[in-house]
Each structure stands twice: as structure tokens, then as C-alpha cells.
Amino acid sequence: MPKLKLDVPHTLDQEEATRRLKDKFAAAKAQYHDQVQGLQDQWNDHTFSFSLHAMGMSVSGTVAVQPRNIRLEVALPLAAMLFKRAIEDRVRQEVDGLLAT
């Protein structure tokens, strides 16, 4: 499966960045629970691992909150690679907004 790798810089304390992302993932999980099947997610310190099935596609990956950036690595189905640029742009927009000081 092709991978999407993305680094988004931030200026927050690592703990605060992690807290904000945890809150965002919890809200997204509640909002989209009826559109996602087989969601498995787990936080281990500052790293979030997930896998899910949505719109006929399986997606899995990790989000690592590092001291100065957020590193996202996601295994995408080949069909989703057509939207890679749009996905990257949307993720950057969401993370930038969420982690703005």
C-alpha cells in the first residue's frame, strides 16, 4: 500500500499539542462513528495509532507528536492516492488550525 507521509510544524509544548490532538480525535470519532467500521485506535505516550474501514477502503497509520512537529504516516489504498494532494492540504489546514497558539 502506498504511504502518505507528512510533517506539520508547531510551536506548542509537546504535552499541549498531544492534548489538543487527543481531543480532536475523540470528537472526530464521535462525529463519524456511523461512517467508519472496525475503528481501532490507541495512544501510547505521544503517538496515536489507528486503523479503520470507510467508504470501501481500509486505512491505517500513526500520528506522532514530536517537540516541534506532528508526523503523520498513513497507508492509503491505491484508489485514495488520486486524492493525495487534497488529503495533505486538508490535514495541514486542520492541524495548523488546531495547534495555532
PDB file of N, CA and C in Angstrom:
ATOM      1  N   MET A   1       0.844  -1.180   0.000  1.00  0.00           N
ATOM      2  CA  MET A   1       0.000   0.000   0.000  1.00  0.00           C
ATOM      3  C   MET A   1       0.890   1.245   0.000  1.00  0.00           C
ATOM      4  N   PRO A   2       0.554   2.240  -0.806  1.00  0.00           N
ATOM      5  CA  PRO A   2       1.329   3.486  -0.807  1.00  0.00           C
ATOM      6  C   PRO A   2       1.171   4.219   0.527  1.00  0.00           C
ATOM      7  N   LYS A   3       2.174   5.014   0.860  1.00  0.00           N
ATOM      8  CA  LYS A   3       2.137   5.760   2.125  1.00  0.00           C
ATOM      9  C   LYS A   3       2.091   7.259   1.872  1.00  0.00           C
ATOM     10  N   LEU A   4       1.355   7.909   2.722  1.00  0.00           N
ATOM     11  CA  LEU A   4       1.333   9.362   2.781  1.00  0.00           C
ATOM     12  C   LEU A   4       2.140   9.731   4.018  1.00  0.00           C
ATOM     13  N   LYS A   5       3.172  10.530   3.838  1.00  0.00           N
ATOM     14  CA  LYS A   5       3.989  10.985   4.961  1.00  0.00           C
ATOM     15  C   LYS A   5       3.954  12.500   4.962  1.00  0.00           C
ATOM     16  N   LEU A   6       3.708  13.056   6.136  1.00  0.00           N
ATOM     17  CA  LEU A   6       3.531  14.490   6.244  1.00  0.00           C
ATOM     18  C   LEU A   6       4.056  14.976   7.586  1.00  0.00           C
ATOM     19  N   ASP A   7       4.838  16.049   7.567  1.00  0.00           N
ATOM     20  CA  ASP A   7       5.299  16.713   8.784  1.00  0.00           C
ATOM     21  C   ASP A   7       4.690  18.098   8.829  1.00  0.00           C
ATOM     22  N   VAL A   8       4.071  18.424   9.956  1.00  0.00           N
ATOM     23  CA  VAL A   8       3.462  19.740  10.143  1.00  0.00           C
ATOM     24  C   VAL A   8       4.099  20.375  11.378  1.00  0.00           C
ATOM     25  N   PRO A   9       4.810  21.494  11.208  1.00  0.00           N
ATOM     26  CA  PRO A   9       5.461  22.128  12.360  1.00  0.00           C
ATOM     27  C   PRO A   9       4.443  22.755  13.310  1.00  0.00           C
ATOM     28  N   HIS A  10       4.848  22.868  14.575  1.00  0.00           N
ATOM     29  CA  HIS A  10       4.023  23.558  15.571  1.00  0.00           C
ATOM     30  C   HIS A  10       4.946  24.236  16.587  1.00  0.00           C
ATOM     31  N   THR A  11       4.375  25.135  17.356  1.00  0.00           N
ATOM     32  CA  THR A  11       5.157  25.875  18.354  1.00  0.00           C
ATOM     33  C   THR A  11       4.684  25.608  19.776  1.00  0.00           C
ATOM     34  N   LEU A  12       3.770  24.665  19.943  1.00  0.00           N
ATOM     35  CA  LEU A  12       3.238  24.353  21.272  1.00  0.00           C
ATOM     36  C   LEU A  12       4.178  23.428  22.038  1.00  0.00           C
ATOM     37  N   ASP A  13       3.976  23.395  23.343  1.00  0.00           N
ATOM     38  CA  ASP A  13       4.594  22.381  24.188  1.00  0.00           C
ATOM     39  C   ASP A  13       4.069  21.022  23.716  1.00  0.00           C
ATOM     40  N   GLN A  14       4.903  20.008  23.743  1.00  0.00           N
ATOM     41  CA  GLN A  14       4.530  18.677  23.261  1.00  0.00           C
ATOM     42  C   GLN A  14       3.290  18.140  23.986  1.00  0.00           C
ATOM     43  N   GLU A  15       3.197  18.377  25.282  1.00  0.00           N
ATOM     44  CA  GLU A  15       2.039  17.907  26.056  1.00  0.00           C
ATOM     45  C   GLU A  15       0.749  18.589  25.594  1.00  0.00           C
ATOM     46  N   GLU A  16       0.820  19.898  25.361  1.00  0.00           N
ATOM     47  CA  GLU A  16      -0.363  20.640  24.921  1.00  0.00           C
ATOM     48  C   GLU A  16      -0.771  20.215  23.514  1.00  0.00           C
ATOM     49  N   ALA A  17       0.186  20.029  22.626  1.00  0.00           N
ATOM     50  CA  ALA A  17      -0.121  19.570  21.269  1.00  0.00           C
ATOM     51  C   ALA A  17      -0.788  18.191  21.317  1.00  0.00           C
ATOM     52  N   THR A  18      -0.280  17.304  22.156  1.00  0.00           N
ATOM     53  CA  THR A  18      -0.862  15.972  22.308  1.00  0.00           C
ATOM     54  C   THR A  18      -2.276  16.059  22.852  1.00  0.00           C
ATOM     55  N   ARG A  19      -2.481  16.887  23.852  1.00  0.00           N
ATOM     56  CA  ARG A  19      -3.824  17.044  24.435  1.00  0.00           C
ATOM     57  C   ARG A  19      -4.825  17.518  23.386  1.00  0.00           C
ATOM     58  N   ARG A  20      -4.438  18.515  22.606  1.00  0.00           N
ATOM     59  CA  ARG A  20      -5.346  19.041  21.576  1.00  0.00           C
ATOM     60  C   ARG A  20      -5.669  17.988  20.522  1.00  0.00           C
ATOM     61  N   LEU A  21      -4.678  17.218  20.117  1.00  0.00           N
ATOM     62  CA  LEU A  21      -4.938  16.166  19.137  1.00  0.00           C
ATOM     63  C   LEU A  21      -5.815  15.067  19.712  1.00  0.00           C
ATOM     64  N   LYS A  22      -5.599  14.698  20.967  1.00  0.00           N
ATOM     65  CA  LYS A  22      -6.457  13.694  21.601  1.00  0.00           C
ATOM     66  C   LYS A  22      -7.909  14.156  21.612  1.00  0.00           C
ATOM     67  N   ASP A  23      -8.128  15.423  21.958  1.00  0.00           N
ATOM     68  CA  ASP A  23      -9.483  15.971  21.965  1.00  0.00           C
ATOM     69  C   ASP A  23     -10.096  15.949  20.566  1.00  0.00           C
ATOM     70  N   LYS A  24      -9.310  16.323  19.567  1.00  0.00           N
ATOM     71  CA  LYS A  24      -9.792  16.356  18.185  1.00  0.00           C
ATOM     72  C   LYS A  24     -10.141  14.960  17.695  1.00  0.00           C
ATOM     73  N   PHE A  25      -9.289  13.966  17.968  1.00  0.00           N
ATOM     74  CA  PHE A  25      -9.581  12.604  17.546  1.00  0.00           C
ATOM     75  C   PHE A  25     -10.821  12.061  18.242  1.00  0.00           C
ATOM     76  N   ALA A  26     -10.990  12.371  19.517  1.00  0.00           N
ATOM     77  CA  ALA A  26     -12.184  11.913  20.241  1.00  0.00           C
ATOM     78  C   ALA A  26     -13.447  12.521  19.639  1.00  0.00           C
ATOM     79  N   ALA A  27     -13.404  13.801  19.288  1.00  0.00           N
ATOM     80  CA  ALA A  27     -14.556  14.469  18.677  1.00  0.00           C
ATOM     81  C   ALA A  27     -14.847  13.882  17.292  1.00  0.00           C
ATOM     82  N   ALA A  28     -13.811  13.634  16.509  1.00  0.00           N
ATOM     83  CA  ALA A  28     -13.997  13.057  15.173  1.00  0.00           C
ATOM     84  C   ALA A  28     -14.572  11.642  15.267  1.00  0.00           C
ATOM     85  N   LYS A  29     -14.101  10.888  16.228  1.00  0.00           N
ATOM     86  CA  LYS A  29     -14.595   9.523  16.445  1.00  0.00           C
ATOM     87  C   LYS A  29     -16.094   9.552  16.740  1.00  0.00           C
ATOM     88  N   ALA A  30     -16.517  10.475  17.588  1.00  0.00           N
ATOM     89  CA  ALA A  30     -17.934  10.599  17.922  1.00  0.00           C
ATOM     90  C   ALA A  30     -18.744  11.090  16.717  1.00  0.00           C
ATOM     91  N   GLN A  31     -18.204  12.028  15.971  1.00  0.00           N
ATOM     92  CA  GLN A  31     -18.927  12.621  14.835  1.00  0.00           C
ATOM     93  C   GLN A  31     -19.098  11.632  13.682  1.00  0.00           C
ATOM     94  N   TYR A  32     -18.089  10.824  13.409  1.00  0.00           N
ATOM     95  CA  TYR A  32     -18.115   9.952  12.236  1.00  0.00           C
ATOM     96  C   TYR A  32     -18.320   8.473  12.554  1.00  0.00           C
ATOM     97  N   HIS A  33     -18.758   8.173  13.777  1.00  0.00           N
ATOM     98  CA  HIS A  33     -18.890   6.776  14.188  1.00  0.00           C
ATOM     99  C   HIS A  33     -19.786   5.952  13.270  1.00  0.00           C
ATOM    100  N   ASP A  34     -20.775   6.566  12.642  1.00  0.00           N
ATOM    101  CA  ASP A  34     -21.685   5.822  11.777  1.00  0.00           C
ATOM    102  C   ASP A  34     -21.147   5.631  10.353  1.00  0.00           C
ATOM    103  N   GLN A  35     -20.034   6.290  10.017  1.00  0.00           N
ATOM    104  CA  GLN A  35     -19.454   6.190   8.676  1.00  0.00           C
ATOM    105  C   GLN A  35     -18.186   5.338   8.647  1.00  0.00           C
ATOM    106  N   VAL A  36     -17.706   4.929   9.823  1.00  0.00           N
ATOM    107  CA  VAL A  36     -16.450   4.193   9.933  1.00  0.00           C
ATOM    108  C   VAL A  36     -16.715   2.850  10.606  1.00  0.00           C
ATOM    109  N   GLN A  37     -16.128   1.804  10.049  1.00  0.00           N
ATOM    110  CA  GLN A  37     -16.265   0.478  10.640  1.00  0.00           C
ATOM    111  C   GLN A  37     -14.887  -0.003  11.114  1.00  0.00           C
ATOM    112  N   GLY A  38     -14.910  -0.847  12.112  1.00  0.00           N
ATOM    113  CA  GLY A  38     -13.689  -1.501  12.581  1.00  0.00           C
ATOM    114  C   GLY A  38     -12.611  -0.557  13.074  1.00  0.00           C
ATOM    115  N   LEU A  39     -13.009   0.557  13.631  1.00  0.00           N
ATOM    116  CA  LEU A  39     -12.013   1.526  14.113  1.00  0.00           C
ATOM    117  C   LEU A  39     -11.260   0.964  15.305  1.00  0.00           C
ATOM    118  N   GLN A  40      -9.960   0.969  15.187  1.00  0.00           N
ATOM    119  CA  GLN A  40      -9.083   0.629  16.302  1.00  0.00           C
ATOM    120  C   GLN A  40      -8.135   1.799  16.462  1.00  0.00           C
ATOM    121  N   ASP A  41      -8.039   2.295  17.672  1.00  0.00           N
ATOM    122  CA  ASP A  41      -7.166   3.442  17.919  1.00  0.00           C
ATOM    123  C   ASP A  41      -6.555   3.331  19.301  1.00  0.00           C
ATOM    124  N   GLN A  42      -5.331   3.837  19.421  1.00  0.00           N
ATOM    125  CA  GLN A  42      -4.632   3.747  20.701  1.00  0.00           C
ATOM    126  C   GLN A  42      -3.569   4.828  20.790  1.00  0.00           C
ATOM    127  N   TRP A  43      -3.525   5.488  21.936  1.00  0.00           N
ATOM    128  CA  TRP A  43      -2.449   6.430  22.246  1.00  0.00           C
ATOM    129  C   TRP A  43      -1.403   5.714  23.078  1.00  0.00           C
ATOM    130  N   ASN A  44      -0.154   5.918  22.748  1.00  0.00           N
ATOM    131  CA  ASN A  44       0.974   5.427  23.528  1.00  0.00           C
ATOM    132  C   ASN A  44       1.911   6.622  23.688  1.00  0.00           C
ATOM    133  N   ASP A  45       1.857   7.248  24.850  1.00  0.00           N
ATOM    134  CA  ASP A  45       2.583   8.500  25.099  1.00  0.00           C
ATOM    135  C   ASP A  45       2.150   9.549  24.076  1.00  0.00           C
ATOM    136  N   HIS A  46       3.035   9.909  23.161  1.00  0.00           N
ATOM    137  CA  HIS A  46       2.736  10.971  22.190  1.00  0.00           C
ATOM    138  C   HIS A  46       2.483  10.431  20.790  1.00  0.00           C
ATOM    139  N   THR A  47       2.186   9.138  20.685  1.00  0.00           N
ATOM    140  CA  THR A  47       1.954   8.531  19.376  1.00  0.00           C
ATOM    141  C   THR A  47       0.575   7.883  19.344  1.00  0.00           C
ATOM    142  N   PHE A  48      -0.173   8.202  18.300  1.00  0.00           N
ATOM    143  CA  PHE A  48      -1.516   7.694  18.082  1.00  0.00           C
ATOM    144  C   PHE A  48      -1.477   6.727  16.896  1.00  0.00           C
ATOM    145  N   SER A  49      -1.910   5.504  17.113  1.00  0.00           N
ATOM    146  CA  SER A  49      -2.000   4.504  16.047  1.00  0.00           C
ATOM    147  C   SER A  49      -3.472   4.228  15.767  1.00  0.00           C
ATOM    148  N   PHE A  50      -3.792   4.022  14.496  1.00  0.00           N
ATOM    149  CA  PHE A  50      -5.190   3.785  14.146  1.00  0.00           C
ATOM    150  C   PHE A  50      -5.302   2.900  12.908  1.00  0.00           C
ATOM    151  N   SER A  51      -6.457   2.272  12.792  1.00  0.00           N
ATOM    152  CA  SER A  51      -6.843   1.578  11.575  1.00  0.00           C
ATOM    153  C   SER A  51      -8.368   1.635  11.510  1.00  0.00           C
ATOM    154  N   LEU A  52      -8.878   1.678  10.281  1.00  0.00           N
ATOM    155  CA  LEU A  52     -10.320   1.784  10.090  1.00  0.00           C
ATOM    156  C   LEU A  52     -10.681   1.359   8.680  1.00  0.00           C
ATOM    157  N   HIS A  53     -11.965   1.201   8.483  1.00  0.00           N
ATOM    158  CA  HIS A  53     -12.502   0.864   7.169  1.00  0.00           C
ATOM    159  C   HIS A  53     -13.638   1.854   6.906  1.00  0.00           C
ATOM    160  N   ALA A  54     -13.540   2.592   5.798  1.00  0.00           N
ATOM    161  CA  ALA A  54     -14.566   3.583   5.449  1.00  0.00           C
ATOM    162  C   ALA A  54     -14.664   3.691   3.934  1.00  0.00           C
ATOM    163  N   MET A  55     -15.867   3.886   3.458  1.00  0.00           N
ATOM    164  CA  MET A  55     -16.126   4.067   2.023  1.00  0.00           C
ATOM    165  C   MET A  55     -15.477   2.954   1.192  1.00  0.00           C
ATOM    166  N   GLY A  56     -15.486   1.731   1.709  1.00  0.00           N
ATOM    167  CA  GLY A  56     -14.954   0.605   0.984  1.00  0.00           C
ATOM    168  C   GLY A  56     -13.439   0.495   0.987  1.00  0.00           C
ATOM    169  N   MET A  57     -12.765   1.306   1.796  1.00  0.00           N
ATOM    170  CA  MET A  57     -11.307   1.297   1.829  1.00  0.00           C
ATOM    171  C   MET A  57     -10.803   1.127   3.253  1.00  0.00           C
ATOM    172  N   SER A  58      -9.668   0.436   3.379  1.00  0.00           N
ATOM    173  CA  SER A  58      -9.000   0.295   4.675  1.00  0.00           C
ATOM    174  C   SER A  58      -7.859   1.302   4.749  1.00  0.00           C
ATOM    175  N   VAL A  59      -7.737   1.940   5.906  1.00  0.00           N
ATOM    176  CA  VAL A  59      -6.708   2.948   6.141  1.00  0.00           C
ATOM    177  C   VAL A  59      -6.093   2.671   7.504  1.00  0.00           C
ATOM    178  N   SER A  60      -4.769   2.815   7.596  1.00  0.00           N
ATOM    179  CA  SER A  60      -4.109   2.677   8.890  1.00  0.00           C
ATOM    180  C   SER A  60      -2.924   3.625   8.933  1.00  0.00           C
ATOM    181  N   GLY A  61      -2.515   3.975  10.150  1.00  0.00           N
ATOM    182  CA  GLY A  61      -1.369   4.865  10.249  1.00  0.00           C
ATOM    183  C   GLY A  61      -1.040   5.255  11.666  1.00  0.00           C
ATOM    184  N   THR A  62      -0.116   6.212  11.757  1.00  0.00           N
ATOM    185  CA  THR A  62       0.306   6.753  13.046  1.00  0.00           C
ATOM    186  C   THR A  62       0.412   8.271  12.951  1.00  0.00           C
ATOM    187  N   VAL A  63       0.196   8.895  14.084  1.00  0.00           N
ATOM    188  CA  VAL A  63       0.411  10.327  14.246  1.00  0.00           C
ATOM    189  C   VAL A  63       1.318  10.474  15.458  1.00  0.00           C
ATOM    190  N   ALA A  64       2.510  11.011  15.239  1.00  0.00           N
ATOM    191  CA  ALA A  64       3.479  11.181  16.318  1.00  0.00           C
ATOM    192  C   ALA A  64       3.635  12.665  16.620  1.00  0.00           C
ATOM    193  N   VAL A  65       3.384  13.022  17.870  1.00  0.00           N
ATOM    194  CA  VAL A  65       3.563  14.405  18.305  1.00  0.00           C
ATOM    195  C   VAL A  65       5.002  14.540  18.792  1.00  0.00           C
ATOM    196  N   GLN A  66       5.797  15.236  18.018  1.00  0.00           N
ATOM    197  CA  GLN A  66       7.194  15.470  18.351  1.00  0.00           C
ATOM    198  C   GLN A  66       7.324  16.883  18.923  1.00  0.00           C
ATOM    199  N   PRO A  67       8.452  17.212  19.525  1.00  0.00           N
ATOM    200  CA  PRO A  67       8.571  18.524  20.166  1.00  0.00           C
ATOM    201  C   PRO A  67       8.289  19.725  19.255  1.00  0.00           C
ATOM    202  N   ARG A  68       8.580  19.642  17.972  1.00  0.00           N
ATOM    203  CA  ARG A  68       8.380  20.787  17.085  1.00  0.00           C
ATOM    204  C   ARG A  68       7.562  20.493  15.843  1.00  0.00           C
ATOM    205  N   ASN A  69       7.091  19.244  15.695  1.00  0.00           N
ATOM    206  CA  ASN A  69       6.245  18.944  14.557  1.00  0.00           C
ATOM    207  C   ASN A  69       5.357  17.737  14.837  1.00  0.00           C
ATOM    208  N   ILE A  70       4.357  17.604  13.990  1.00  0.00           N
ATOM    209  CA  ILE A  70       3.467  16.454  14.010  1.00  0.00           C
ATOM    210  C   ILE A  70       3.836  15.631  12.784  1.00  0.00           C
ATOM    211  N   ARG A  71       4.133  14.361  12.972  1.00  0.00           N
ATOM    212  CA  ARG A  71       4.477  13.485  11.849  1.00  0.00           C
ATOM    213  C   ARG A  71       3.330  12.498  11.641  1.00  0.00           C
ATOM    214  N   LEU A  72       2.772  12.546  10.455  1.00  0.00           N
ATOM    215  CA  LEU A  72       1.676  11.669  10.075  1.00  0.00           C
ATOM    216  C   LEU A  72       2.181  10.690   9.022  1.00  0.00           C
ATOM    217  N   GLU A  73       1.946   9.406   9.244  1.00  0.00           N
ATOM    218  CA  GLU A  73       2.265   8.372   8.263  1.00  0.00           C
ATOM    219  C   GLU A  73       1.039   7.483   8.133  1.00  0.00           C
ATOM    220  N   VAL A  74       0.488   7.440   6.915  1.00  0.00           N
ATOM    221  CA  VAL A  74      -0.750   6.705   6.673  1.00  0.00           C
ATOM    222  C   VAL A  74      -0.582   5.808   5.457  1.00  0.00           C
ATOM    223  N   ALA A  75      -0.973   4.551   5.597  1.00  0.00           N
ATOM    224  CA  ALA A  75      -1.029   3.626   4.465  1.00  0.00           C
ATOM    225  C   ALA A  75      -2.383   3.819   3.803  1.00  0.00           C
ATOM    226  N   LEU A  76      -2.348   4.294   2.565  1.00  0.00           N
ATOM    227  CA  LEU A  76      -3.581   4.571   1.824  1.00  0.00           C
ATOM    228  C   LEU A  76      -3.793   3.548   0.722  1.00  0.00           C
ATOM    229  N   PRO A  77      -5.039   3.197   0.464  1.00  0.00           N
ATOM    230  CA  PRO A  77      -5.310   2.343  -0.685  1.00  0.00           C
ATOM    231  C   PRO A  77      -4.925   3.084  -1.970  1.00  0.00           C
ATOM    232  N   LEU A  78      -4.611   2.341  -2.984  1.00  0.00           N
ATOM    233  CA  LEU A  78      -4.194   2.937  -4.241  1.00  0.00           C
ATOM    234  C   LEU A  78      -5.231   3.931  -4.769  1.00  0.00           C
ATOM    235  N   ALA A  79      -6.498   3.603  -4.638  1.00  0.00           N
ATOM    236  CA  ALA A  79      -7.562   4.492  -5.127  1.00  0.00           C
ATOM    237  C   ALA A  79      -7.527   5.855  -4.430  1.00  0.00           C
ATOM    238  N   ALA A  80      -7.138   5.895  -3.174  1.00  0.00           N
ATOM    239  CA  ALA A  80      -7.090   7.157  -2.433  1.00  0.00           C
ATOM    240  C   ALA A  80      -5.900   8.023  -2.840  1.00  0.00           C
ATOM    241  N   MET A  81      -4.916   7.434  -3.480  1.00  0.00           N
ATOM    242  CA  MET A  81      -3.743   8.208  -3.899  1.00  0.00           C
ATOM    243  C   MET A  81      -4.111   9.261  -4.945  1.00  0.00           C
ATOM    244  N   LEU A  82      -5.219   9.076  -5.626  1.00  0.00           N
ATOM    245  CA  LEU A  82      -5.696  10.095  -6.559  1.00  0.00           C
ATOM    246  C   LEU A  82      -5.997  11.403  -5.835  1.00  0.00           C
ATOM    247  N   PHE A  83      -6.284  11.303  -4.549  1.00  0.00           N
ATOM    248  CA  PHE A  83      -6.645  12.464  -3.744  1.00  0.00           C
ATOM    249  C   PHE A  83      -5.546  12.852  -2.761  1.00  0.00           C
ATOM    250  N   LYS A  84      -4.338  12.348  -2.982  1.00  0.00           N
ATOM    251  CA  LYS A  84      -3.239  12.564  -2.042  1.00  0.00           C
ATOM    252  C   LYS A  84      -3.023  14.043  -1.749  1.00  0.00           C
ATOM    253  N   ARG A  85      -2.939  14.853  -2.763  1.00  0.00           N
ATOM    254  CA  ARG A  85      -2.685  16.284  -2.567  1.00  0.00           C
ATOM    255  C   ARG A  85      -3.815  16.941  -1.766  1.00  0.00           C
ATOM    256  N   ALA A  86      -5.039  16.604  -2.074  1.00  0.00           N
ATOM    257  CA  ALA A  86      -6.179  17.159  -1.341  1.00  0.00           C
ATOM    258  C   ALA A  86      -6.160  16.707   0.114  1.00  0.00           C
ATOM    259  N   ILE A  87      -5.792  15.448   0.343  1.00  0.00           N
ATOM    260  CA  ILE A  87      -5.700  14.935   1.714  1.00  0.00           C
ATOM    261  C   ILE A  87      -4.609  15.679   2.477  1.00  0.00           C
ATOM    262  N   GLU A  88      -3.442  15.830   1.864  1.00  0.00           N
ATOM    263  CA  GLU A  88      -2.339  16.562   2.504  1.00  0.00           C
ATOM    264  C   GLU A  88      -2.752  17.988   2.850  1.00  0.00           C
ATOM    265  N   ASP A  89      -3.380  18.677   1.899  1.00  0.00           N
ATOM    266  CA  ASP A  89      -3.803  20.060   2.136  1.00  0.00           C
ATOM    267  C   ASP A  89      -4.796  20.151   3.286  1.00  0.00           C
ATOM    268  N   ARG A  90      -5.740  19.221   3.324  1.00  0.00           N
ATOM    269  CA  ARG A  90      -6.755  19.236   4.373  1.00  0.00           C
ATOM    270  C   ARG A  90      -6.151  18.939   5.745  1.00  0.00           C
ATOM    271  N   VAL A  91      -5.244  17.978   5.801  1.00  0.00           N
ATOM    272  CA  VAL A  91      -4.588  17.641   7.068  1.00  0.00           C
ATOM    273  C   VAL A  91      -3.787  18.835   7.568  1.00  0.00           C
ATOM    274  N   ARG A  92      -3.014  19.462   6.688  1.00  0.00           N
ATOM    275  CA  ARG A  92      -2.241  20.649   7.088  1.00  0.00           C
ATOM    276  C   ARG A  92      -3.154  21.740   7.623  1.00  0.00           C
ATOM    277  N   GLN A  93      -4.253  21.981   6.936  1.00  0.00           N
ATOM    278  CA  GLN A  93      -5.207  23.012   7.358  1.00  0.00           C
ATOM    279  C   GLN A  93      -5.778  22.700   8.741  1.00  0.00           C
ATOM    280  N   GLU A  94      -6.205  21.465   8.943  1.00  0.00           N
ATOM    281  CA  GLU A  94      -6.783  21.065  10.233  1.00  0.00           C
ATOM    282  C   GLU A  94      -5.757  21.166  11.365  1.00  0.00           C
ATOM    283  N   VAL A  95      -4.561  20.625  11.143  1.00  0.00           N
ATOM    284  CA  VAL A  95      -3.531  20.640  12.183  1.00  0.00           C
ATOM    285  C   VAL A  95      -3.077  22.070  12.476  1.00  0.00           C
ATOM    286  N   ASP A  96      -2.871  22.874  11.427  1.00  0.00           N
ATOM    287  CA  ASP A  96      -2.482  24.268  11.642  1.00  0.00           C
ATOM    288  C   ASP A  96      -3.516  25.007  12.498  1.00  0.00           C
ATOM    289  N   GLY A  97      -4.796  24.818  12.177  1.00  0.00           N
ATOM    290  CA  GLY A  97      -5.854  25.465  12.943  1.00  0.00           C
ATOM    291  C   GLY A  97      -5.922  24.972  14.373  1.00  0.00           C
ATOM    292  N   LEU A  98      -5.756  23.681  14.549  1.00  0.00           N
ATOM    293  CA  LEU A  98      -5.855  23.061  15.870  1.00  0.00           C
ATOM    294  C   LEU A  98      -4.690  23.467  16.772  1.00  0.00           C
ATOM    295  N   LEU A  99      -3.512  23.591  16.200  1.00  0.00           N
ATOM    296  CA  LEU A  99      -2.315  23.856  17.007  1.00  0.00           C
ATOM    297  C   LEU A  99      -1.859  25.304  16.980  1.00  0.00           C
ATOM    298  N   ALA A 100      -2.676  26.174  16.419  1.00  0.00           N
ATOM    299  CA  ALA A 100      -2.333  27.597  16.418  1.00  0.00           C
ATOM    300  C   ALA A 100      -2.296  28.104  17.854  1.00  0.00           C
ATOM    301  N   THR A 101      -1.283  28.909  18.149  1.00  0.00           N
ATOM    302  CA  THR A 101      -1.149  29.422  19.516  1.00  0.00           C
ATOM    303  C   THR A 101      -1.956  30.666  19.740  1.00  0.00           C
TER     304      THR A 101
END
